[in-house]
Amino acid sequence: MEPEAAKLIGAGIAAVAMAGAGVGIGNIFGSYLQGALRNPAAADSQRTNLFIGFALAEATGLFGLLISFILLFGV
């Protein structure tokens, strides 16, 4: 396999993390909303977990984007 082809394949695989982050964010907010509707009194105590989960899911997508850019445009 040529190095250029391997670089493009690796960047595509790293970009999959960006799509997975979008799915993760939807699951996080959906689960929070479902739990808040079932038990509104506990919704305030779970809000911190909501924001931490959102930040981790978003960071996963950004790391995937960063790795794909490094593979495409790096040395």
C-alpha atoms as a PDB file:
ATOM      1  CA  MET A   1       0.000   0.000   0.000  1.00  0.00           C
ATOM      2  CA  GLU A   2       1.270   3.433  -0.833  1.00  0.00           C
ATOM      3  CA  PRO A   3       1.909   5.807   2.078  1.00  0.00           C
ATOM      4  CA  GLU A   4      -0.478   8.427   0.656  1.00  0.00           C
ATOM      5  CA  ALA A   5      -3.328   5.907   0.525  1.00  0.00           C
ATOM      6  CA  ALA A   6      -2.615   4.714   4.065  1.00  0.00           C
ATOM      7  CA  LYS A   7      -2.640   8.323   5.264  1.00  0.00           C
ATOM      8  CA  LEU A   8      -6.053   8.953   3.715  1.00  0.00           C
ATOM      9  CA  ILE A   9      -7.509   5.727   5.106  1.00  0.00           C
ATOM     10  CA  GLY A  10      -6.200   6.570   8.585  1.00  0.00           C
ATOM     11  CA  ALA A  11      -7.685  10.063   8.415  1.00  0.00           C
ATOM     12  CA  GLY A  12     -11.050   8.592   7.424  1.00  0.00           C
ATOM     13  CA  ILE A  13     -10.989   6.155  10.315  1.00  0.00           C
ATOM     14  CA  ALA A  14     -10.115   8.972  12.731  1.00  0.00           C
ATOM     15  CA  ALA A  15     -13.007  11.024  11.355  1.00  0.00           C
ATOM     16  CA  VAL A  16     -15.420   8.289  12.464  1.00  0.00           C
ATOM     17  CA  ALA A  17     -14.926   9.587  16.008  1.00  0.00           C
ATOM     18  CA  MET A  18     -16.591  12.843  14.973  1.00  0.00           C
ATOM     19  CA  ALA A  19     -19.737  11.009  13.869  1.00  0.00           C
ATOM     20  CA  GLY A  20     -19.725   8.959  17.066  1.00  0.00           C
ATOM     21  CA  ALA A  21     -19.585  12.132  19.145  1.00  0.00           C
ATOM     22  CA  GLY A  22     -22.797  13.387  17.553  1.00  0.00           C
ATOM     23  CA  VAL A  23     -24.581  10.172  18.426  1.00  0.00           C
ATOM     24  CA  GLY A  24     -23.191  10.308  21.958  1.00  0.00           C
ATOM     25  CA  ILE A  25     -24.421  13.849  22.516  1.00  0.00           C
ATOM     26  CA  GLY A  26     -27.910  12.881  21.402  1.00  0.00           C
ATOM     27  CA  ASN A  27     -27.948   9.919  23.770  1.00  0.00           C
ATOM     28  CA  ILE A  28     -26.715  12.024  26.671  1.00  0.00           C
ATOM     29  CA  PHE A  29     -29.385  14.686  26.313  1.00  0.00           C
ATOM     30  CA  GLY A  30     -32.089  12.134  25.564  1.00  0.00           C
ATOM     31  CA  SER A  31     -31.285  10.127  28.672  1.00  0.00           C
ATOM     32  CA  TYR A  32     -31.211  13.250  30.816  1.00  0.00           C
ATOM     33  CA  LEU A  33     -34.577  14.398  29.482  1.00  0.00           C
ATOM     34  CA  GLN A  34     -36.113  10.980  30.014  1.00  0.00           C
ATOM     35  CA  GLY A  35     -34.830  10.834  33.575  1.00  0.00           C
ATOM     36  CA  ALA A  36     -35.920  14.405  34.317  1.00  0.00           C
ATOM     37  CA  LEU A  37     -39.436  13.688  33.105  1.00  0.00           C
ATOM     38  CA  ARG A  38     -39.673  10.557  35.231  1.00  0.00           C
ATOM     39  CA  ASN A  39     -38.274  12.177  38.382  1.00  0.00           C
ATOM     40  CA  PRO A  40     -38.234  15.990  38.203  1.00  0.00           C
ATOM     41  CA  ALA A  41     -36.892  16.328  41.740  1.00  0.00           C
ATOM     42  CA  ALA A  42     -33.648  14.570  40.812  1.00  0.00           C
ATOM     43  CA  ALA A  43     -33.071  16.561  37.611  1.00  0.00           C
ATOM     44  CA  ASP A  44     -31.063  19.296  39.336  1.00  0.00           C
ATOM     45  CA  SER A  45     -28.646  16.820  40.905  1.00  0.00           C
ATOM     46  CA  GLN A  46     -27.971  15.199  37.509  1.00  0.00           C
ATOM     47  CA  ARG A  47     -27.305  18.415  35.605  1.00  0.00           C
ATOM     48  CA  THR A  48     -23.575  18.293  36.441  1.00  0.00           C
ATOM     49  CA  ASN A  49     -23.344  14.789  34.996  1.00  0.00           C
ATOM     50  CA  LEU A  50     -25.123  16.055  31.881  1.00  0.00           C
ATOM     51  CA  PHE A  51     -22.539  18.770  31.277  1.00  0.00           C
ATOM     52  CA  ILE A  52     -19.595  16.457  31.988  1.00  0.00           C
ATOM     53  CA  GLY A  53     -20.958  13.864  29.559  1.00  0.00           C
ATOM     54  CA  PHE A  54     -21.526  16.533  26.919  1.00  0.00           C
ATOM     55  CA  ALA A  55     -17.973  17.849  27.326  1.00  0.00           C
ATOM     56  CA  LEU A  56     -16.453  14.363  27.042  1.00  0.00           C
ATOM     57  CA  ALA A  57     -18.499  13.505  23.962  1.00  0.00           C
ATOM     58  CA  GLU A  58     -17.581  16.800  22.312  1.00  0.00           C
ATOM     59  CA  ALA A  59     -13.900  16.336  23.187  1.00  0.00           C
ATOM     60  CA  THR A  60     -13.939  12.907  21.543  1.00  0.00           C
ATOM     61  CA  GLY A  61     -15.109  14.459  18.280  1.00  0.00           C
ATOM     62  CA  LEU A  62     -12.533  17.229  18.478  1.00  0.00           C
ATOM     63  CA  PHE A  63      -9.731  14.754  19.157  1.00  0.00           C
ATOM     64  CA  GLY A  64     -10.824  12.711  16.135  1.00  0.00           C
ATOM     65  CA  LEU A  65     -10.799  15.837  13.986  1.00  0.00           C
ATOM     66  CA  LEU A  66      -7.365  16.794  15.296  1.00  0.00           C
ATOM     67  CA  ILE A  67      -5.918  13.347  14.588  1.00  0.00           C
ATOM     68  CA  SER A  68      -7.357  13.303  11.075  1.00  0.00           C
ATOM     69  CA  PHE A  69      -5.840  16.733  10.369  1.00  0.00           C
ATOM     70  CA  ILE A  70      -2.492  15.589  11.740  1.00  0.00           C
ATOM     71  CA  LEU A  71      -2.606  12.537   9.484  1.00  0.00           C
ATOM     72  CA  LEU A  72      -3.614  14.551   6.427  1.00  0.00           C
ATOM     73  CA  PHE A  73      -1.401  17.611   6.786  1.00  0.00           C
ATOM     74  CA  GLY A  74       1.336  16.480   9.185  1.00  0.00           C
ATOM     75  CA  VAL A  75       4.806  15.423   8.302  1.00  0.00           C
END
